[in-house]
Full PDB file with SEQRES, HELIX, SHEET, SSBOND, CRYST1, ORIGX, SCALE, CONECT and MASTER records, all heavy atoms in Angstrom:
SEQRES   1 A   40  ALA ALA ALA GLY SER MET ALA LEU VAL ALA ALA PRO LEU          
SEQRES   2 A   40  VAL ARG GLN HIS GLY PHE GLN TYR LEU LEU ALA THR THR          
SEQRES   3 A   40  ILE SER VAL GLY ALA LEU MET PHE VAL LEU GLY LEU VAL          
SEQRES   4 A   40  GLY                                                          
HELIX    1 AA1 GLY A    4  HIS A   17  1                                  14    
HELIX    2 AA2 PHE A   19  VAL A   39  1                                  21    
CRYST1    1.000    1.000    1.000  90.00  90.00  90.00 P 1           1          
ORIGX1      1.000000  0.000000  0.000000        0.00000                         
ORIGX2      0.000000  1.000000  0.000000        0.00000                         
ORIGX3      0.000000  0.000000  1.000000        0.00000                         
SCALE1      1.000000  0.000000  0.000000        0.00000                         
SCALE2      0.000000  1.000000  0.000000        0.00000                         
SCALE3      0.000000  0.000000  1.000000        0.00000                         
ATOM      1  N   ALA A   1     -29.237  73.276  20.472  1.00  0.00           N  
ATOM      2  CA  ALA A   1     -29.739  72.400  19.410  1.00  0.00           C  
ATOM      3  C   ALA A   1     -29.566  70.955  19.863  1.00  0.00           C  
ATOM      4  O   ALA A   1     -29.291  70.686  21.036  1.00  0.00           O  
ATOM      5  CB  ALA A   1     -28.988  72.664  18.101  1.00  0.00           C  
ATOM      6  N   ALA A   2     -29.749  70.023  18.938  1.00  0.00           N  
ATOM      7  CA  ALA A   2     -29.534  68.609  19.236  1.00  0.00           C  
ATOM      8  C   ALA A   2     -28.047  68.381  19.473  1.00  0.00           C  
ATOM      9  O   ALA A   2     -27.242  68.480  18.547  1.00  0.00           O  
ATOM     10  CB  ALA A   2     -30.032  67.752  18.078  1.00  0.00           C  
ATOM     11  N   ALA A   3     -27.668  68.085  20.704  1.00  0.00           N  
ATOM     12  CA  ALA A   3     -26.258  68.020  21.088  1.00  0.00           C  
ATOM     13  C   ALA A   3     -25.771  66.582  21.169  1.00  0.00           C  
ATOM     14  O   ALA A   3     -26.532  65.661  21.483  1.00  0.00           O  
ATOM     15  CB  ALA A   3     -26.047  68.712  22.431  1.00  0.00           C  
ATOM     16  N   GLY A   4     -24.483  66.404  20.901  1.00  0.00           N  
ATOM     17  CA  GLY A   4     -23.889  65.072  20.926  1.00  0.00           C  
ATOM     18  C   GLY A   4     -23.871  64.456  22.309  1.00  0.00           C  
ATOM     19  O   GLY A   4     -24.024  63.243  22.462  1.00  0.00           O  
ATOM     20  N   SER A   5     -23.675  65.269  23.350  1.00  0.00           N  
ATOM     21  CA  SER A   5     -23.633  64.729  24.699  1.00  0.00           C  
ATOM     22  C   SER A   5     -24.968  64.092  25.079  1.00  0.00           C  
ATOM     23  O   SER A   5     -25.004  63.023  25.695  1.00  0.00           O  
ATOM     24  CB  SER A   5     -23.286  65.844  25.689  1.00  0.00           C  
ATOM     25  OG  SER A   5     -24.208  66.923  25.572  1.00  0.00           O  
ATOM     26  N   MET A   6     -26.065  64.715  24.694  1.00  0.00           N  
ATOM     27  CA  MET A   6     -27.380  64.161  25.005  1.00  0.00           C  
ATOM     28  C   MET A   6     -27.699  62.979  24.092  1.00  0.00           C  
ATOM     29  O   MET A   6     -28.402  62.043  24.493  1.00  0.00           O  
ATOM     30  CB  MET A   6     -28.453  65.239  24.897  1.00  0.00           C  
ATOM     31  CG  MET A   6     -28.235  66.395  25.852  1.00  0.00           C  
ATOM     32  SD  MET A   6     -29.615  67.539  25.959  1.00  0.00           S  
ATOM     33  CE  MET A   6     -30.784  66.592  26.947  1.00  0.00           C  
ATOM     34  N   ALA A   7     -27.191  63.008  22.857  1.00  0.00           N  
ATOM     35  CA  ALA A   7     -27.402  61.882  21.948  1.00  0.00           C  
ATOM     36  C   ALA A   7     -26.739  60.618  22.478  1.00  0.00           C  
ATOM     37  O   ALA A   7     -27.295  59.512  22.364  1.00  0.00           O  
ATOM     38  CB  ALA A   7     -26.866  62.224  20.563  1.00  0.00           C  
ATOM     39  N   LEU A   8     -25.554  60.763  23.071  1.00  0.00           N  
ATOM     40  CA  LEU A   8     -24.869  59.604  23.638  1.00  0.00           C  
ATOM     41  C   LEU A   8     -25.658  58.986  24.787  1.00  0.00           C  
ATOM     42  O   LEU A   8     -25.741  57.765  24.914  1.00  0.00           O  
ATOM     43  CB  LEU A   8     -23.483  60.027  24.129  1.00  0.00           C  
ATOM     44  CG  LEU A   8     -22.420  60.274  23.051  1.00  0.00           C  
ATOM     45  CD1 LEU A   8     -21.212  60.964  23.659  1.00  0.00           C  
ATOM     46  CD2 LEU A   8     -22.013  58.981  22.382  1.00  0.00           C  
ATOM     47  N   VAL A   9     -26.267  59.834  25.618  1.00  0.00           N  
ATOM     48  CA  VAL A   9     -27.045  59.327  26.745  1.00  0.00           C  
ATOM     49  C   VAL A   9     -28.329  58.656  26.267  1.00  0.00           C  
ATOM     50  O   VAL A   9     -28.765  57.634  26.808  1.00  0.00           O  
ATOM     51  CB  VAL A   9     -27.366  60.469  27.726  1.00  0.00           C  
ATOM     52  CG1 VAL A   9     -28.247  59.982  28.866  1.00  0.00           C  
ATOM     53  CG2 VAL A   9     -26.076  61.070  28.277  1.00  0.00           C  
ATOM     54  N   ALA A  10     -28.939  59.212  25.223  1.00  0.00           N  
ATOM     55  CA  ALA A  10     -30.228  58.702  24.747  1.00  0.00           C  
ATOM     56  C   ALA A  10     -30.095  57.463  23.873  1.00  0.00           C  
ATOM     57  O   ALA A  10     -31.087  56.747  23.676  1.00  0.00           O  
ATOM     58  CB  ALA A  10     -30.958  59.794  23.973  1.00  0.00           C  
ATOM     59  N   ALA A  11     -28.919  57.199  23.333  1.00  0.00           N  
ATOM     60  CA  ALA A  11     -28.760  56.091  22.387  1.00  0.00           C  
ATOM     61  C   ALA A  11     -29.198  54.740  22.950  1.00  0.00           C  
ATOM     62  O   ALA A  11     -29.917  53.989  22.271  1.00  0.00           O  
ATOM     63  CB  ALA A  11     -27.305  56.031  21.904  1.00  0.00           C  
ATOM     64  N   PRO A  12     -28.807  54.351  24.172  1.00  0.00           N  
ATOM     65  CA  PRO A  12     -29.269  53.046  24.686  1.00  0.00           C  
ATOM     66  C   PRO A  12     -30.785  52.949  24.817  1.00  0.00           C  
ATOM     67  O   PRO A  12     -31.366  51.877  24.613  1.00  0.00           O  
ATOM     68  CB  PRO A  12     -28.584  52.958  26.056  1.00  0.00           C  
ATOM     69  CG  PRO A  12     -27.428  53.880  25.981  1.00  0.00           C  
ATOM     70  CD  PRO A  12     -27.859  54.993  25.096  1.00  0.00           C  
ATOM     71  N   LEU A  13     -31.452  54.051  25.144  1.00  0.00           N  
ATOM     72  CA  LEU A  13     -32.913  54.041  25.261  1.00  0.00           C  
ATOM     73  C   LEU A  13     -33.557  53.742  23.919  1.00  0.00           C  
ATOM     74  O   LEU A  13     -34.478  52.917  23.825  1.00  0.00           O  
ATOM     75  CB  LEU A  13     -33.396  55.390  25.795  1.00  0.00           C  
ATOM     76  CG  LEU A  13     -34.917  55.579  25.856  1.00  0.00           C  
ATOM     77  CD1 LEU A  13     -35.538  54.627  26.863  1.00  0.00           C  
ATOM     78  CD2 LEU A  13     -35.261  57.036  26.199  1.00  0.00           C  
ATOM     79  N   VAL A  14     -33.083  54.394  22.863  1.00  0.00           N  
ATOM     80  CA  VAL A  14     -33.639  54.162  21.527  1.00  0.00           C  
ATOM     81  C   VAL A  14     -33.358  52.739  21.077  1.00  0.00           C  
ATOM     82  O   VAL A  14     -34.226  52.068  20.495  1.00  0.00           O  
ATOM     83  CB  VAL A  14     -33.054  55.181  20.529  1.00  0.00           C  
ATOM     84  CG1 VAL A  14     -33.577  54.913  19.119  1.00  0.00           C  
ATOM     85  CG2 VAL A  14     -33.385  56.611  20.953  1.00  0.00           C  
ATOM     86  N   ARG A  15     -32.157  52.252  21.354  1.00  0.00           N  
ATOM     87  CA  ARG A  15     -31.771  50.908  20.919  1.00  0.00           C  
ATOM     88  C   ARG A  15     -32.584  49.831  21.632  1.00  0.00           C  
ATOM     89  O   ARG A  15     -32.974  48.830  21.015  1.00  0.00           O  
ATOM     90  CB  ARG A  15     -30.278  50.721  21.186  1.00  0.00           C  
ATOM     91  CG  ARG A  15     -29.712  49.416  20.650  1.00  0.00           C  
ATOM     92  CD  ARG A  15     -28.201  49.421  20.669  1.00  0.00           C  
ATOM     93  NE  ARG A  15     -27.658  49.727  21.982  1.00  0.00           N  
ATOM     94  CZ  ARG A  15     -27.025  50.868  22.294  1.00  0.00           C  
ATOM     95  NH1 ARG A  15     -26.891  51.807  21.386  1.00  0.00           N  
ATOM     96  NH2 ARG A  15     -26.547  51.061  23.509  1.00  0.00           N  
ATOM     97  N   GLN A  16     -32.897  50.022  22.897  1.00  0.00           N  
ATOM     98  CA  GLN A  16     -33.579  48.985  23.668  1.00  0.00           C  
ATOM     99  C   GLN A  16     -35.100  49.101  23.638  1.00  0.00           C  
ATOM    100  O   GLN A  16     -35.800  48.093  23.707  1.00  0.00           O  
ATOM    101  CB  GLN A  16     -33.097  49.035  25.123  1.00  0.00           C  
ATOM    102  CG  GLN A  16     -31.611  48.732  25.285  1.00  0.00           C  
ATOM    103  CD  GLN A  16     -31.140  48.938  26.713  1.00  0.00           C  
ATOM    104  OE1 GLN A  16     -31.945  49.009  27.643  1.00  0.00           O  
ATOM    105  NE2 GLN A  16     -29.827  49.049  26.904  1.00  0.00           N  
ATOM    106  N   HIS A  17     -35.632  50.344  23.550  1.00  0.00           N  
ATOM    107  CA  HIS A  17     -37.080  50.514  23.707  1.00  0.00           C  
ATOM    108  C   HIS A  17     -37.748  51.230  22.545  1.00  0.00           C  
ATOM    109  O   HIS A  17     -38.976  51.252  22.481  1.00  0.00           O  
ATOM    110  CB  HIS A  17     -37.382  51.267  25.008  1.00  0.00           C  
ATOM    111  CG  HIS A  17     -36.866  50.571  26.229  1.00  0.00           C  
ATOM    112  ND1 HIS A  17     -37.494  49.481  26.795  1.00  0.00           N  
ATOM    113  CD2 HIS A  17     -35.765  50.804  26.992  1.00  0.00           C  
ATOM    114  CE1 HIS A  17     -36.814  49.083  27.857  1.00  0.00           C  
ATOM    115  NE2 HIS A  17     -35.763  49.870  28.000  1.00  0.00           N  
ATOM    116  N   GLY A  18     -36.990  51.847  21.667  1.00  0.00           N  
ATOM    117  CA  GLY A  18     -37.592  52.451  20.492  1.00  0.00           C  
ATOM    118  C   GLY A  18     -37.732  53.961  20.579  1.00  0.00           C  
ATOM    119  O   GLY A  18     -37.534  54.586  21.628  1.00  0.00           O  
ATOM    120  N   PHE A  19     -38.093  54.542  19.430  1.00  0.00           N  
ATOM    121  CA  PHE A  19     -38.132  55.993  19.273  1.00  0.00           C  
ATOM    122  C   PHE A  19     -39.234  56.641  20.101  1.00  0.00           C  
ATOM    123  O   PHE A  19     -39.066  57.758  20.599  1.00  0.00           O  
ATOM    124  CB  PHE A  19     -38.324  56.327  17.782  1.00  0.00           C  
ATOM    125  CG  PHE A  19     -38.459  57.784  17.497  1.00  0.00           C  
ATOM    126  CD1 PHE A  19     -37.400  58.651  17.700  1.00  0.00           C  
ATOM    127  CD2 PHE A  19     -39.661  58.302  17.021  1.00  0.00           C  
ATOM    128  CE1 PHE A  19     -37.529  59.997  17.437  1.00  0.00           C  
ATOM    129  CE2 PHE A  19     -39.797  59.648  16.765  1.00  0.00           C  
ATOM    130  CZ  PHE A  19     -38.726  60.500  16.967  1.00  0.00           C  
ATOM    131  N   GLN A  20     -40.381  55.970  20.262  1.00  0.00           N  
ATOM    132  CA  GLN A  20     -41.493  56.572  20.996  1.00  0.00           C  
ATOM    133  C   GLN A  20     -41.121  56.841  22.449  1.00  0.00           C  
ATOM    134  O   GLN A  20     -41.565  57.838  23.044  1.00  0.00           O  
ATOM    135  CB  GLN A  20     -42.726  55.667  20.909  1.00  0.00           C  
ATOM    136  CG  GLN A  20     -43.299  55.532  19.505  1.00  0.00           C  
ATOM    137  CD  GLN A  20     -43.737  56.869  18.940  1.00  0.00           C  
ATOM    138  OE1 GLN A  20     -44.291  57.711  19.641  1.00  0.00           O  
ATOM    139  NE2 GLN A  20     -43.483  57.074  17.647  1.00  0.00           N  
ATOM    140  N   TYR A  21     -40.331  55.986  23.031  1.00  0.00           N  
ATOM    141  CA  TYR A  21     -39.883  56.218  24.406  1.00  0.00           C  
ATOM    142  C   TYR A  21     -38.936  57.418  24.475  1.00  0.00           C  
ATOM    143  O   TYR A  21     -38.871  58.102  25.503  1.00  0.00           O  
ATOM    144  CB  TYR A  21     -39.217  54.968  24.969  1.00  0.00           C  
ATOM    145  CG  TYR A  21     -40.201  53.930  25.435  1.00  0.00           C  
ATOM    146  CD1 TYR A  21     -40.699  52.969  24.563  1.00  0.00           C  
ATOM    147  CD2 TYR A  21     -40.657  53.918  26.754  1.00  0.00           C  
ATOM    148  CE1 TYR A  21     -41.617  52.016  24.975  1.00  0.00           C  
ATOM    149  CE2 TYR A  21     -41.579  52.971  27.184  1.00  0.00           C  
ATOM    150  CZ  TYR A  21     -42.053  52.024  26.291  1.00  0.00           C  
ATOM    151  OH  TYR A  21     -42.973  51.089  26.710  1.00  0.00           O  
ATOM    152  N   LEU A  22     -38.211  57.677  23.389  1.00  0.00           N  
ATOM    153  CA  LEU A  22     -37.357  58.858  23.341  1.00  0.00           C  
ATOM    154  C   LEU A  22     -38.201  60.126  23.376  1.00  0.00           C  
ATOM    155  O   LEU A  22     -37.837  61.111  24.034  1.00  0.00           O  
ATOM    156  CB  LEU A  22     -36.475  58.838  22.091  1.00  0.00           C  
ATOM    157  CG  LEU A  22     -35.591  60.069  21.880  1.00  0.00           C  
ATOM    158  CD1 LEU A  22     -34.584  60.213  23.010  1.00  0.00           C  
ATOM    159  CD2 LEU A  22     -34.865  59.992  20.531  1.00  0.00           C  
ATOM    160  N   LEU A  23     -39.329  60.122  22.663  1.00  0.00           N  
ATOM    161  CA  LEU A  23     -40.209  61.289  22.677  1.00  0.00           C  
ATOM    162  C   LEU A  23     -40.747  61.546  24.085  1.00  0.00           C  
ATOM    163  O   LEU A  23     -40.770  62.693  24.557  1.00  0.00           O  
ATOM    164  CB  LEU A  23     -41.364  61.085  21.700  1.00  0.00           C  
ATOM    165  CG  LEU A  23     -41.003  60.926  20.219  1.00  0.00           C  
ATOM    166  CD1 LEU A  23     -42.265  60.836  19.381  1.00  0.00           C  
ATOM    167  CD2 LEU A  23     -40.128  62.080  19.749  1.00  0.00           C  
ATOM    168  N   ALA A  24     -41.211  60.479  24.751  1.00  0.00           N  
ATOM    169  CA  ALA A  24     -41.713  60.639  26.121  1.00  0.00           C  
ATOM    170  C   ALA A  24     -40.613  61.143  27.044  1.00  0.00           C  
ATOM    171  O   ALA A  24     -40.855  61.983  27.933  1.00  0.00           O  
ATOM    172  CB  ALA A  24     -42.268  59.309  26.625  1.00  0.00           C  
ATOM    173  N   THR A  25     -39.393  60.663  26.842  1.00  0.00           N  
ATOM    174  CA  THR A  25     -38.266  61.108  27.666  1.00  0.00           C  
ATOM    175  C   THR A  25     -37.947  62.571  27.413  1.00  0.00           C  
ATOM    176  O   THR A  25     -37.687  63.333  28.357  1.00  0.00           O  
ATOM    177  CB  THR A  25     -37.035  60.240  27.373  1.00  0.00           C  
ATOM    178  OG1 THR A  25     -37.332  58.877  27.665  1.00  0.00           O  
ATOM    179  CG2 THR A  25     -35.848  60.680  28.205  1.00  0.00           C  
ATOM    180  N   THR A  26     -37.972  62.989  26.162  1.00  0.00           N  
ATOM    181  CA  THR A  26     -37.664  64.381  25.825  1.00  0.00           C  
ATOM    182  C   THR A  26     -38.656  65.342  26.464  1.00  0.00           C  
ATOM    183  O   THR A  26     -38.275  66.376  27.025  1.00  0.00           O  
ATOM    184  CB  THR A  26     -37.674  64.555  24.293  1.00  0.00           C  
ATOM    185  OG1 THR A  26     -36.706  63.685  23.708  1.00  0.00           O  
ATOM    186  CG2 THR A  26     -37.343  65.993  23.918  1.00  0.00           C  
ATOM    187  N   ILE A  27     -39.936  65.014  26.400  1.00  0.00           N  
ATOM    188  CA  ILE A  27     -40.953  65.858  27.027  1.00  0.00           C  
ATOM    189  C   ILE A  27     -40.751  65.911  28.532  1.00  0.00           C  
ATOM    190  O   ILE A  27     -40.847  66.978  29.158  1.00  0.00           O  
ATOM    191  CB  ILE A  27     -42.355  65.347  26.671  1.00  0.00           C  
ATOM    192  CG1 ILE A  27     -42.595  65.464  25.159  1.00  0.00           C  
ATOM    193  CG2 ILE A  27     -43.429  66.118  27.438  1.00  0.00           C  
ATOM    194  CD1 ILE A  27     -43.880  64.816  24.691  1.00  0.00           C  
ATOM    195  N   SER A  28     -40.449  64.781  29.146  1.00  0.00           N  
ATOM    196  CA  SER A  28     -40.227  64.735  30.592  1.00  0.00           C  
ATOM    197  C   SER A  28     -38.977  65.515  30.985  1.00  0.00           C  
ATOM    198  O   SER A  28     -38.957  66.199  32.023  1.00  0.00           O  
ATOM    199  CB  SER A  28     -40.105  63.284  31.059  1.00  0.00           C  
ATOM    200  OG  SER A  28     -41.262  62.543  30.728  1.00  0.00           O  
ATOM    201  N   VAL A  29     -37.937  65.426  30.174  1.00  0.00           N  
ATOM    202  CA  VAL A  29     -36.718  66.191  30.430  1.00  0.00           C  
ATOM    203  C   VAL A  29     -37.027  67.685  30.407  1.00  0.00           C  
ATOM    204  O   VAL A  29     -36.583  68.451  31.277  1.00  0.00           O  
ATOM    205  CB  VAL A  29     -35.629  65.835  29.404  1.00  0.00           C  
ATOM    206  CG1 VAL A  29     -34.494  66.862  29.438  1.00  0.00           C  
ATOM    207  CG2 VAL A  29     -35.075  64.449  29.674  1.00  0.00           C  
ATOM    208  N   GLY A  30     -37.783  68.120  29.404  1.00  0.00           N  
ATOM    209  CA  GLY A  30     -38.143  69.531  29.327  1.00  0.00           C  
ATOM    210  C   GLY A  30     -38.942  69.989  30.523  1.00  0.00           C  
ATOM    211  O   GLY A  30     -38.701  71.083  31.071  1.00  0.00           O  
ATOM    212  N   ALA A  31     -39.888  69.163  30.961  1.00  0.00           N  
ATOM    213  CA  ALA A  31     -40.692  69.523  32.128  1.00  0.00           C  
ATOM    214  C   ALA A  31     -39.835  69.629  33.384  1.00  0.00           C  
ATOM    215  O   ALA A  31     -39.991  70.558  34.192  1.00  0.00           O  
ATOM    216  CB  ALA A  31     -41.803  68.495  32.325  1.00  0.00           C  
ATOM    217  N   LEU A  32     -38.909  68.694  33.557  1.00  0.00           N  
ATOM    218  CA  LEU A  32     -38.034  68.725  34.737  1.00  0.00           C  
ATOM    219  C   LEU A  32     -37.098  69.929  34.686  1.00  0.00           C  
ATOM    220  O   LEU A  32     -36.863  70.588  35.709  1.00  0.00           O  
ATOM    221  CB  LEU A  32     -37.234  67.428  34.823  1.00  0.00           C  
ATOM    222  CG  LEU A  32     -36.317  67.271  36.044  1.00  0.00           C  
ATOM    223  CD1 LEU A  32     -37.095  67.439  37.338  1.00  0.00           C  
ATOM    224  CD2 LEU A  32     -35.617  65.914  36.019  1.00  0.00           C  
ATOM    225  N   MET A  33     -36.543  70.239  33.509  1.00  0.00           N  
ATOM    226  CA  MET A  33     -35.705  71.430  33.374  1.00  0.00           C  
ATOM    227  C   MET A  33     -36.489  72.685  33.733  1.00  0.00           C  
ATOM    228  O   MET A  33     -35.961  73.591  34.395  1.00  0.00           O  
ATOM    229  CB  MET A  33     -35.173  71.538  31.946  1.00  0.00           C  
ATOM    230  CG  MET A  33     -34.070  70.580  31.585  1.00  0.00           C  
ATOM    231  SD  MET A  33     -33.536  70.848  29.860  1.00  0.00           S  
ATOM    232  CE  MET A  33     -32.136  69.719  29.776  1.00  0.00           C  
ATOM    233  N   PHE A  34     -37.729  72.750  33.297  1.00  0.00           N  
ATOM    234  CA  PHE A  34     -38.562  73.920  33.582  1.00  0.00           C  
ATOM    235  C   PHE A  34     -38.751  74.091  35.087  1.00  0.00           C  
ATOM    236  O   PHE A  34     -38.595  75.197  35.630  1.00  0.00           O  
ATOM    237  CB  PHE A  34     -39.917  73.759  32.886  1.00  0.00           C  
ATOM    238  CG  PHE A  34     -40.844  74.917  33.095  1.00  0.00           C  
ATOM    239  CD1 PHE A  34     -40.708  76.084  32.367  1.00  0.00           C  
ATOM    240  CD2 PHE A  34     -41.856  74.844  34.039  1.00  0.00           C  
ATOM    241  CE1 PHE A  34     -41.563  77.164  32.572  1.00  0.00           C  
ATOM    242  CE2 PHE A  34     -42.714  75.915  34.248  1.00  0.00           C  
ATOM    243  CZ  PHE A  34     -42.568  77.073  33.512  1.00  0.00           C  
ATOM    244  N   VAL A  35     -39.066  73.002  35.774  1.00  0.00           N  
ATOM    245  CA  VAL A  35     -39.278  73.065  37.218  1.00  0.00           C  
ATOM    246  C   VAL A  35     -37.987  73.442  37.938  1.00  0.00           C  
ATOM    247  O   VAL A  35     -37.973  74.305  38.834  1.00  0.00           O  
ATOM    248  CB  VAL A  35     -39.821  71.726  37.739  1.00  0.00           C  
ATOM    249  CG1 VAL A  35     -39.873  71.718  39.264  1.00  0.00           C  
ATOM    250  CG2 VAL A  35     -41.197  71.443  37.162  1.00  0.00           C  
ATOM    251  N   LEU A  36     -36.875  72.817  37.545  1.00  0.00           N  
ATOM    252  CA  LEU A  36     -35.598  73.118  38.192  1.00  0.00           C  
ATOM    253  C   LEU A  36     -35.180  74.562  37.946  1.00  0.00           C  
ATOM    254  O   LEU A  36     -34.573  75.202  38.812  1.00  0.00           O  
ATOM    255  CB  LEU A  36     -34.517  72.161  37.689  1.00  0.00           C  
ATOM    256  CG  LEU A  36     -34.692  70.690  38.081  1.00  0.00           C  
ATOM    257  CD1 LEU A  36     -33.596  69.841  37.459  1.00  0.00           C  
ATOM    258  CD2 LEU A  36     -34.682  70.529  39.601  1.00  0.00           C  
ATOM    259  N   GLY A  37     -35.496  75.078  36.762  1.00  0.00           N  
ATOM    260  CA  GLY A  37     -35.199  76.477  36.494  1.00  0.00           C  
ATOM    261  C   GLY A  37     -35.995  77.414  37.375  1.00  0.00           C  
ATOM    262  O   GLY A  37     -35.484  78.437  37.857  1.00  0.00           O  
ATOM    263  N   LEU A  38     -37.256  77.072  37.631  1.00  0.00           N  
ATOM    264  CA  LEU A  38     -38.102  77.911  38.473  1.00  0.00           C  
ATOM    265  C   LEU A  38     -37.641  77.893  39.936  1.00  0.00           C  
ATOM    266  O   LEU A  38     -37.718  78.915  40.624  1.00  0.00           O  
ATOM    267  CB  LEU A  38     -39.561  77.456  38.385  1.00  0.00           C  
ATOM    268  CG  LEU A  38     -40.277  77.693  37.049  1.00  0.00           C  
ATOM    269  CD1 LEU A  38     -41.711  77.204  37.135  1.00  0.00           C  
ATOM    270  CD2 LEU A  38     -40.242  79.172  36.653  1.00  0.00           C  
ATOM    271  N   VAL A  39     -37.176  76.742  40.420  1.00  0.00           N  
ATOM    272  CA  VAL A  39     -36.759  76.652  41.825  1.00  0.00           C  
ATOM    273  C   VAL A  39     -35.343  77.151  42.047  1.00  0.00           C  
ATOM    274  O   VAL A  39     -34.866  77.191  43.190  1.00  0.00           O  
ATOM    275  CB  VAL A  39     -36.900  75.203  42.342  1.00  0.00           C  
ATOM    276  CG1 VAL A  39     -38.329  74.730  42.209  1.00  0.00           C  
ATOM    277  CG2 VAL A  39     -35.951  74.252  41.614  1.00  0.00           C  
ATOM    278  N   GLY A  40     -34.639  77.521  40.977  1.00  0.00           N  
ATOM    279  CA  GLY A  40     -33.329  78.142  41.137  1.00  0.00           C  
ATOM    280  C   GLY A  40     -32.157  77.202  41.196  1.00  0.00           C  
ATOM    281  O   GLY A  40     -31.127  77.538  41.788  1.00  0.00           O  
TER     282      GLY A  40                                                      
MASTER        0    0    0    2    0    0    0    6  281    1    0    4          
END                                                                             
């Protein structure tokens, strides 16, 4: 679920650039996790 460890990392991004950049980051994080999972 929404975890505190990731919230701490994302907080400066939201504070400096806004919520929309958080959405773009979340999608990119998911894509990178997917690729890393496939490559082992």
